[in-house]
Amino acid sequence: MRINKFLSETGITSRRGADKFIEAGRVKINGKLAELGSKVESEDEVKVDDKIIEQPKQNYVYLALNKPVGITSTTERHIEGNIVDFVNHAERIFHIGRLDKDSEGLILLTNDGDIVNEILRVENEHEKEYIIKVDMPITESFLAKMEEGVEILGTKTLPAKAHKLSAYTFKLTLRQGLNRQIRRMCSALGYEVQALQRVRIINILLGDLPVGEWRDLTDSERNELFNQLDYIPKR
């Protein structure tokens, strides 16, 4: 960030005041006099009047997005329809896990890198819940096979929970996240997915959040998530 923004976020002075400090030669970045417009990275040492200034504290954000079909789960800004530009948050955020471009529903985003590993770690087997519409009538045999595991990608999927909602729609709860897992599972059993929506990740529910909208997790959601993960943010 720009040096004047850096100094204002530490509470030392306003941006305008910071510019005056810089013009007066009172600010150094890594031992060199700062200039108006100089940039500061997280690892840089900043001094004002030869006193080290600590990096401004950044608040963690935890968001729930109802991702529309067509948005890509990537932080690569050159890719059209990337999720970062779509959300357009003030903080530098990234998505936790993926949701296929042709799928919609709940995806979490944050600027807390440590919690990402806790949620995605395979051995933790955290639940994710989906509603899926397929192209043929759902049979009890199909549901049973989805629950016991299907051979895809050279492995058998973990046991799951499957519940029929209508002739062509069912709910599926998974404890893993292989590449395009649900579509591959259905395809292996002769079905084609026509629509796929994720409605829950661990304790976070999609609820009535409109497609394309995002919200901050509530305090109770965040606390319960931390509790289930046995996780304490570092700040």
Foldseek 3Di string as FASTA:
>chain_A
DFPLVFCVLLVNDHSVVSQVQLVVQQKDKQRHRDHGRDDDDQPIWMGGNNHTRHGRDDDKFKKKAFADQQAFQDPPPVDPNHPCVLQVDPDPKHWQDTDDNRATEITMMMPQPVVSCLQQVLVLLWKWKKKWFKDFFDDPVLQVDQQPFDDDPNDTFHGWHWADDDRGMIMIMGRHDDDVVVQRSQVSVPIGTPYMYIADTRHDGRPPADHSDMDTDDPVRVVVSCVSSVHDGPD
